[in-house]
Structure formats: C-alpha cells, structure tokens
C-alpha cells in the first residue's frame, strides 16, 4: 500500500512541476544597455544596433570579387531535386503529435500543451505555409 502512495505522490509531483515549467516564460528580457557615449538604450531596435556593432567588429571583411563558382549538388537529370520536396498535412500532424506537453515554451512563448490541443486545426495551415515558403525559394 505504501508503494502505491509513493507512486501516486511521485506522479502528482511530476505533473505539478510540468505544469509550473509550462507556465513559466522561456526567455528573459534584457535590461537597458549603454552605448559608447554612456547613453542608456531601452528600445529593441537600439539594442539590436548595439549588438550588431559589437559583433560586427569580430568578423573579417572578405574580398567578394574573387568568389568561387558553386557546383550544383542536385543536377537536373530527372532525379530528385530540391524543389520536389512537399509538406503533406499528415507529416505535419505527425510532427505535432511528437510534441511533449511537459516541455517548456519556445522563443515564441507558445507552450507545447496549447499546440497539442489545436494540432488538428493547425496541421493544414502549417502544411500550406511551409509548402508556399519552399516554392518561393
């Protein structure tokens, strides 16, 4: 009997902590940054520019006039080409069904529990969206 209570307690605690993790935010907001002049920057655009300046100094500038010609990886000889890839609603639904409810939200702050709840309605629009993006490339 004690083992049953311990099993129930462990399962209840796991569910509780999964719920708490699902309700927590996945990302933390950055605080204010100061630019080279000592001015505080709070806007997202300003902080993006500061990061761009900082990280842009690290990379080297290459001579683009001497770029080598790329070879075709998928030659058009009647075989499979990159444009022959398609997204079926069933494959998108299969991927959505693999989402675990107890995982944290992503960068978009959408919890997997919500995506699992609306996966039937979401599979078709996502398949159309993915296919249209791939056709534009």
N, C-alpha and C. Protein backbone atom coordinates (compact mmCIF):
# COMPACT_ATOMS: atom_id res chain seq x y z
N UNK A 1 0.82 -1.18 0.00
CA UNK A 1 0.00 0.00 0.00
C UNK A 1 0.87 1.26 0.00
N UNK A 2 1.96 1.20 0.74
CA UNK A 2 2.85 2.35 0.80
C UNK A 2 3.46 2.65 -0.57
N UNK A 3 3.78 1.59 -1.32
CA UNK A 3 4.34 1.79 -2.66
C UNK A 3 3.34 2.47 -3.58
N UNK A 4 2.09 2.13 -3.46
CA UNK A 4 1.06 2.79 -4.27
C UNK A 4 0.99 4.27 -3.96
N UNK A 5 1.05 4.60 -2.66
CA UNK A 5 1.00 6.02 -2.28
C UNK A 5 2.23 6.76 -2.81
N UNK A 6 3.38 6.12 -2.72
CA UNK A 6 4.60 6.75 -3.23
C UNK A 6 4.52 6.95 -4.74
N UNK A 7 3.98 5.98 -5.45
CA UNK A 7 3.84 6.09 -6.90
C UNK A 7 2.88 7.23 -7.25
N UNK A 8 1.78 7.31 -6.54
CA UNK A 8 0.80 8.38 -6.78
C UNK A 8 1.41 9.73 -6.47
N UNK A 9 2.14 9.83 -5.35
CA UNK A 9 2.78 11.08 -4.97
C UNK A 9 3.82 11.51 -6.00
N UNK A 10 4.63 10.58 -6.46
CA UNK A 10 5.65 10.90 -7.46
C UNK A 10 5.00 11.38 -8.76
N UNK A 11 3.95 10.72 -9.19
CA UNK A 11 3.25 11.12 -10.43
C UNK A 11 2.62 12.50 -10.25
N UNK A 12 2.04 12.76 -9.09
CA UNK A 12 1.43 14.07 -8.82
C UNK A 12 2.47 15.17 -8.82
N UNK A 13 3.62 14.92 -8.22
CA UNK A 13 4.69 15.92 -8.20
C UNK A 13 5.22 16.17 -9.61
N UNK A 14 5.36 15.10 -10.40
CA UNK A 14 5.82 15.29 -11.78
C UNK A 14 4.83 16.13 -12.57
N UNK A 15 3.56 15.88 -12.41
CA UNK A 15 2.54 16.68 -13.11
C UNK A 15 2.57 18.13 -12.64
N UNK A 16 2.75 18.33 -11.33
CA UNK A 16 2.79 19.69 -10.80
C UNK A 16 3.98 20.47 -11.37
N UNK A 17 5.15 19.88 -11.36
CA UNK A 17 6.32 20.58 -11.86
C UNK A 17 6.27 20.76 -13.38
N UNK A 18 5.66 19.84 -14.10
CA UNK A 18 5.47 20.03 -15.54
C UNK A 18 4.55 21.20 -15.79
N UNK A 19 3.51 21.34 -14.97
CA UNK A 19 2.60 22.48 -15.10
C UNK A 19 3.33 23.79 -14.82
N UNK A 20 4.14 23.83 -13.77
CA UNK A 20 4.87 25.05 -13.41
C UNK A 20 5.86 25.41 -14.52
N UNK A 21 6.59 24.41 -15.06
CA UNK A 21 7.51 24.70 -16.15
C UNK A 21 6.78 25.22 -17.38
N UNK A 22 5.59 24.70 -17.65
CA UNK A 22 4.82 25.14 -18.81
C UNK A 22 4.30 26.56 -18.66
N UNK A 23 4.07 26.99 -17.43
CA UNK A 23 3.55 28.34 -17.20
C UNK A 23 4.65 29.38 -17.11
N UNK A 24 5.89 28.95 -16.97
CA UNK A 24 6.98 29.91 -16.85
C UNK A 24 7.39 30.42 -18.22
N UNK A 25 7.95 31.59 -18.26
CA UNK A 25 8.41 32.18 -19.51
C UNK A 25 9.71 31.52 -19.93
N UNK A 26 9.86 31.36 -21.25
CA UNK A 26 11.05 30.68 -21.77
C UNK A 26 12.23 31.64 -21.90
N UNK A 27 11.97 32.90 -22.08
CA UNK A 27 13.06 33.85 -22.30
C UNK A 27 13.02 34.94 -21.24
N UNK A 28 14.15 35.51 -21.02
CA UNK A 28 14.25 36.66 -20.12
C UNK A 28 14.50 37.89 -20.94
N UNK A 29 13.91 38.98 -20.55
CA UNK A 29 14.11 40.23 -21.26
C UNK A 29 15.44 40.84 -20.82
N UNK A 30 16.12 41.48 -21.77
CA UNK A 30 17.37 42.16 -21.46
C UNK A 30 17.08 43.48 -20.76
N UNK A 31 17.97 43.87 -19.91
CA UNK A 31 17.84 45.18 -19.28
C UNK A 31 18.33 46.26 -20.22
N UNK A 32 18.48 47.45 -19.70
CA UNK A 32 18.96 48.56 -20.53
C UNK A 32 20.44 48.38 -20.82
N UNK A 33 20.86 48.81 -22.00
CA UNK A 33 22.27 48.78 -22.39
C UNK A 33 22.76 50.21 -22.54
N UNK A 34 24.06 50.39 -22.39
CA UNK A 34 24.60 51.73 -22.61
C UNK A 34 25.49 51.71 -23.84
N UNK A 35 25.37 52.74 -24.66
CA UNK A 35 26.19 52.83 -25.87
C UNK A 35 27.55 53.41 -25.53
N UNK A 36 28.38 53.66 -26.54
CA UNK A 36 29.74 54.14 -26.30
C UNK A 36 29.75 55.54 -25.69
N UNK A 37 28.67 56.30 -25.87
CA UNK A 37 28.59 57.63 -25.28
C UNK A 37 28.04 57.64 -23.87
N UNK A 38 27.68 56.46 -23.34
CA UNK A 38 27.15 56.36 -21.99
C UNK A 38 25.64 56.54 -21.93
N UNK A 39 24.98 56.69 -23.08
CA UNK A 39 23.53 56.85 -23.11
C UNK A 39 22.85 55.49 -22.94
N UNK A 40 21.77 55.46 -22.17
CA UNK A 40 21.04 54.21 -21.96
C UNK A 40 20.12 53.95 -23.15
N UNK A 41 20.14 52.73 -23.62
CA UNK A 41 19.31 52.32 -24.76
C UNK A 41 18.31 51.29 -24.26
N UNK A 42 17.01 51.54 -24.46
CA UNK A 42 15.98 50.64 -23.98
C UNK A 42 15.19 49.98 -25.11
N UNK A 43 15.19 50.58 -26.29
CA UNK A 43 14.37 50.03 -27.38
C UNK A 43 15.03 48.79 -27.97
N UNK A 44 14.21 47.90 -28.50
CA UNK A 44 14.73 46.68 -29.12
C UNK A 44 15.60 47.00 -30.32
N UNK A 45 15.18 47.99 -31.10
CA UNK A 45 15.96 48.37 -32.28
C UNK A 45 17.33 48.91 -31.89
N UNK A 46 17.37 49.74 -30.88
CA UNK A 46 18.63 50.30 -30.42
C UNK A 46 19.57 49.25 -29.87
N UNK A 47 19.00 48.31 -29.09
CA UNK A 47 19.84 47.23 -28.55
C UNK A 47 20.34 46.33 -29.67
N UNK A 48 19.51 46.10 -30.69
CA UNK A 48 19.94 45.30 -31.84
C UNK A 48 21.11 45.97 -32.55
N UNK A 49 21.03 47.27 -32.71
CA UNK A 49 22.12 48.01 -33.35
C UNK A 49 23.40 47.92 -32.53
N UNK A 50 23.29 48.02 -31.19
CA UNK A 50 24.47 47.92 -30.33
C UNK A 50 25.13 46.54 -30.46
N UNK A 51 24.30 45.49 -30.44
CA UNK A 51 24.84 44.14 -30.61
C UNK A 51 25.45 43.97 -32.00
N UNK A 52 24.81 44.52 -33.01
CA UNK A 52 25.33 44.44 -34.37
C UNK A 52 26.71 45.10 -34.47
N UNK A 53 26.85 46.26 -33.85
CA UNK A 53 28.14 46.95 -33.86
C UNK A 53 29.20 46.13 -33.13
N UNK A 54 28.83 45.56 -31.97
CA UNK A 54 29.80 44.81 -31.17
C UNK A 54 30.25 43.54 -31.88
N UNK A 55 29.31 42.79 -32.42
CA UNK A 55 29.66 41.52 -33.05
C UNK A 55 30.18 41.72 -34.47
N UNK A 56 29.82 42.81 -35.11
CA UNK A 56 30.29 43.08 -36.46
C UNK A 56 31.78 43.36 -36.51
N UNK A 57 32.35 43.82 -35.43
CA UNK A 57 33.79 44.10 -35.38
C UNK A 57 34.61 42.82 -35.31
N UNK A 58 34.00 41.73 -34.89
CA UNK A 58 34.71 40.48 -34.70
C UNK A 58 34.99 39.79 -36.04
N UNK A 59 34.07 39.91 -36.97
CA UNK A 59 34.19 39.19 -38.23
C UNK A 59 35.06 39.95 -39.22
N UNK A 60 35.74 39.20 -40.08
CA UNK A 60 36.61 39.81 -41.08
C UNK A 60 35.80 40.17 -42.31
N UNK A 61 36.31 41.13 -43.07
CA UNK A 61 35.69 41.50 -44.33
C UNK A 61 36.45 40.81 -45.44
N UNK A 62 35.70 40.06 -46.27
CA UNK A 62 36.33 39.28 -47.32
C UNK A 62 36.19 39.97 -48.67
N UNK A 63 37.09 39.63 -49.57
CA UNK A 63 37.04 40.15 -50.92
C UNK A 63 36.00 39.34 -51.69
N UNK A 64 34.87 39.95 -52.03
CA UNK A 64 33.78 39.25 -52.69
C UNK A 64 33.94 39.20 -54.20
N UNK A 65 34.94 39.89 -54.75
CA UNK A 65 35.12 39.87 -56.19
C UNK A 65 35.78 38.57 -56.66
N UNK A 66 36.35 37.81 -55.76
CA UNK A 66 37.06 36.59 -56.11
C UNK A 66 36.34 35.36 -55.55
N UNK A 67 34.99 35.35 -55.62
CA UNK A 67 34.21 34.26 -55.07
C UNK A 67 34.19 33.08 -56.04
N UNK A 68 34.45 31.86 -55.57
CA UNK A 68 34.43 30.70 -56.48
C UNK A 68 33.01 30.34 -56.90
N UNK A 69 32.89 29.70 -58.04
CA UNK A 69 31.59 29.27 -58.56
C UNK A 69 31.16 27.99 -57.85
N UNK A 70 29.93 27.95 -57.41
CA UNK A 70 29.41 26.77 -56.70
C UNK A 70 28.98 25.70 -57.68
N UNK A 71 29.20 24.44 -57.31
CA UNK A 71 28.76 23.32 -58.13
C UNK A 71 27.34 22.94 -57.72
N UNK A 72 26.52 22.51 -58.68
CA UNK A 72 25.15 22.08 -58.39
C UNK A 72 25.20 20.76 -57.64
N UNK A 73 24.57 20.71 -56.50
CA UNK A 73 24.51 19.49 -55.72
C UNK A 73 23.44 18.56 -56.29
N UNK A 74 22.33 19.15 -56.77
CA UNK A 74 21.23 18.38 -57.34
C UNK A 74 21.14 18.68 -58.83
N UNK A 75 21.93 18.01 -59.66
CA UNK A 75 21.83 18.27 -61.10
C UNK A 75 20.47 17.81 -61.63
N UNK A 76 19.93 18.54 -62.58
CA UNK A 76 18.61 18.25 -63.12
C UNK A 76 18.71 17.16 -64.18
N UNK A 77 18.74 15.90 -63.74
CA UNK A 77 18.83 14.77 -64.66
C UNK A 77 17.62 13.86 -64.47
N UNK A 78 16.48 14.45 -64.13
CA UNK A 78 15.28 13.67 -63.92
C UNK A 78 15.21 13.01 -62.56
N UNK A 79 16.17 13.29 -61.70
CA UNK A 79 16.18 12.70 -60.36
C UNK A 79 15.46 13.60 -59.37
N UNK A 80 15.68 13.34 -58.13
CA UNK A 80 15.07 14.15 -57.08
C UNK A 80 15.77 15.49 -57.04
N UNK A 81 14.98 16.52 -57.04
CA UNK A 81 15.52 17.86 -56.93
C UNK A 81 15.02 18.48 -55.64
N UNK A 82 15.64 19.55 -55.24
CA UNK A 82 15.25 20.20 -54.01
C UNK A 82 13.83 20.75 -54.09
N UNK A 83 13.40 21.13 -55.28
CA UNK A 83 12.05 21.68 -55.42
C UNK A 83 10.98 20.60 -55.39
N UNK A 84 11.35 19.31 -55.38
CA UNK A 84 10.38 18.23 -55.33
C UNK A 84 9.95 17.89 -53.91
N UNK A 85 10.43 18.60 -52.93
CA UNK A 85 10.06 18.34 -51.55
C UNK A 85 8.67 18.91 -51.30
N UNK A 86 7.84 18.14 -50.62
CA UNK A 86 6.49 18.64 -50.31
C UNK A 86 6.18 18.37 -48.84
N UNK A 87 5.29 19.18 -48.32
CA UNK A 87 4.84 19.04 -46.94
C UNK A 87 3.38 18.59 -46.96
N UNK A 88 3.15 17.36 -46.58
CA UNK A 88 1.78 16.84 -46.51
C UNK A 88 1.21 17.15 -45.13
N UNK A 89 -0.09 17.32 -45.09
CA UNK A 89 -0.75 17.60 -43.81
C UNK A 89 -0.50 16.48 -42.81
N UNK A 90 -0.47 15.24 -43.30
CA UNK A 90 -0.25 14.10 -42.40
C UNK A 90 1.14 14.14 -41.76
N UNK A 91 2.16 14.54 -42.52
CA UNK A 91 3.51 14.59 -41.94
C UNK A 91 3.64 15.73 -40.93
N UNK A 92 2.97 16.85 -41.19
CA UNK A 92 2.99 17.96 -40.23
C UNK A 92 2.26 17.55 -38.95
N UNK A 93 1.12 16.87 -39.12
CA UNK A 93 0.36 16.39 -37.95
C UNK A 93 1.17 15.38 -37.16
N UNK A 94 1.90 14.53 -37.85
CA UNK A 94 2.75 13.54 -37.17
C UNK A 94 3.83 14.24 -36.34
N UNK A 95 4.41 15.30 -36.89
CA UNK A 95 5.43 16.05 -36.13
C UNK A 95 4.81 16.77 -34.94
N UNK A 96 3.61 17.30 -35.11
CA UNK A 96 2.94 17.98 -33.99
C UNK A 96 2.58 16.99 -32.88
N UNK A 97 2.27 15.75 -33.25
CA UNK A 97 1.91 14.74 -32.24
C UNK A 97 3.11 14.32 -31.42
N UNK A 98 4.33 14.58 -31.89
CA UNK A 98 5.53 14.22 -31.15
C UNK A 98 5.89 15.25 -30.09
N UNK A 99 5.19 16.38 -30.07
CA UNK A 99 5.47 17.39 -29.06
C UNK A 99 5.07 16.88 -27.68
N UNK A 100 5.92 17.14 -26.71
CA UNK A 100 5.63 16.70 -25.34
C UNK A 100 5.04 17.86 -24.55
N UNK A 101 3.97 17.57 -23.83
CA UNK A 101 3.27 18.60 -23.05
C UNK A 101 4.10 19.14 -21.89
N UNK A 102 5.03 18.36 -21.39
CA UNK A 102 5.77 18.76 -20.19
C UNK A 102 7.01 19.58 -20.49
N UNK A 103 7.22 19.96 -21.75
CA UNK A 103 8.39 20.75 -22.11
C UNK A 103 8.08 22.24 -22.02
N UNK A 104 9.12 23.04 -21.93
CA UNK A 104 8.97 24.48 -21.80
C UNK A 104 8.61 25.10 -23.15
N UNK A 105 8.10 26.31 -23.09
CA UNK A 105 7.76 27.04 -24.30
C UNK A 105 9.02 27.43 -25.05
N UNK A 106 8.86 27.67 -26.35
CA UNK A 106 9.98 28.09 -27.16
C UNK A 106 10.16 29.59 -27.11
N UNK A 107 10.92 30.12 -28.06
CA UNK A 107 11.20 31.55 -28.10
C UNK A 107 9.92 32.35 -28.36
N UNK A 108 8.92 31.72 -28.99
CA UNK A 108 7.66 32.41 -29.26
C UNK A 108 6.72 32.38 -28.05
N UNK A 109 7.15 31.72 -26.97
CA UNK A 109 6.41 31.60 -25.72
C UNK A 109 5.08 30.87 -25.87
N UNK A 110 4.99 29.99 -26.86
CA UNK A 110 3.81 29.14 -27.02
C UNK A 110 4.14 27.79 -26.40
N UNK A 111 3.35 27.39 -25.42
CA UNK A 111 3.62 26.13 -24.73
C UNK A 111 3.16 24.96 -25.59
N UNK A 112 3.89 23.84 -25.57
CA UNK A 112 3.52 22.68 -26.38
C UNK A 112 2.14 22.13 -26.05
N UNK A 113 1.69 22.32 -24.81
CA UNK A 113 0.36 21.85 -24.42
C UNK A 113 -0.71 22.50 -25.28
N UNK A 114 -0.55 23.80 -25.56
CA UNK A 114 -1.51 24.51 -26.41
C UNK A 114 -1.44 24.01 -27.85
N UNK A 115 -0.23 23.79 -28.37
CA UNK A 115 -0.08 23.28 -29.73
C UNK A 115 -0.68 21.89 -29.87
N UNK A 116 -0.52 21.06 -28.85
CA UNK A 116 -1.14 19.73 -28.89
C UNK A 116 -2.65 19.81 -28.86
N UNK A 117 -3.17 20.80 -28.19
CA UNK A 117 -4.63 20.97 -28.09
C UNK A 117 -5.23 21.35 -29.44
N UNK A 118 -4.51 22.14 -30.25
CA UNK A 118 -5.06 22.61 -31.54
C UNK A 118 -4.35 21.98 -32.74
N UNK A 119 -3.69 20.84 -32.55
CA UNK A 119 -2.89 20.26 -33.63
C UNK A 119 -3.72 19.87 -34.84
N UNK A 120 -4.96 19.41 -34.66
CA UNK A 120 -5.80 19.03 -35.80
C UNK A 120 -6.11 20.25 -36.67
N UNK A 121 -6.39 21.38 -36.04
CA UNK A 121 -6.71 22.59 -36.78
C UNK A 121 -5.47 23.27 -37.35
N UNK A 122 -4.32 23.01 -36.74
CA UNK A 122 -3.09 23.70 -37.11
C UNK A 122 -2.32 23.00 -38.23
N UNK A 123 -2.52 21.71 -38.41
CA UNK A 123 -1.73 20.93 -39.36
C UNK A 123 -1.90 21.41 -40.80
N UNK A 124 -3.12 21.65 -41.24
CA UNK A 124 -3.37 22.05 -42.63
C UNK A 124 -2.78 23.44 -42.93
N UNK A 125 -3.04 24.48 -42.11
CA UNK A 125 -2.43 25.78 -42.41
C UNK A 125 -0.91 25.76 -42.39
N UNK A 126 -0.32 24.98 -41.47
CA UNK A 126 1.14 24.90 -41.43
C UNK A 126 1.69 24.21 -42.66
N UNK A 127 1.03 23.16 -43.13
CA UNK A 127 1.48 22.47 -44.34
C UNK A 127 1.42 23.41 -45.54
N UNK A 128 0.35 24.18 -45.66
CA UNK A 128 0.22 25.14 -46.76
C UNK A 128 1.30 26.21 -46.66
N UNK A 129 1.54 26.71 -45.46
CA UNK A 129 2.54 27.75 -45.25
C UNK A 129 3.94 27.23 -45.59
N UNK A 130 4.30 26.05 -45.10
CA UNK A 130 5.62 25.50 -45.38
C UNK A 130 5.81 25.26 -46.87
N UNK A 131 4.78 24.73 -47.53
CA UNK A 131 4.88 24.45 -48.95
C UNK A 131 5.03 25.74 -49.76
N UNK A 132 4.28 26.77 -49.39
CA UNK A 132 4.39 28.04 -50.15
C UNK A 132 5.75 28.71 -49.94
N UNK A 133 6.31 28.59 -48.74
CA UNK A 133 7.65 29.14 -48.49
C UNK A 133 8.68 28.39 -49.32
N UNK A 134 8.56 27.07 -49.38
CA UNK A 134 9.52 26.27 -50.13
C UNK A 134 9.41 26.54 -51.62
N UNK A 135 8.23 26.81 -52.14
CA UNK A 135 8.06 27.09 -53.57
C UNK A 135 8.63 28.45 -53.96
N UNK A 136 8.73 29.37 -53.02
CA UNK A 136 9.27 30.70 -53.31
C UNK A 136 10.78 30.73 -53.32
N UNK A 137 11.40 29.71 -52.77
CA UNK A 137 12.88 29.69 -52.71
C UNK A 137 13.45 29.38 -54.07
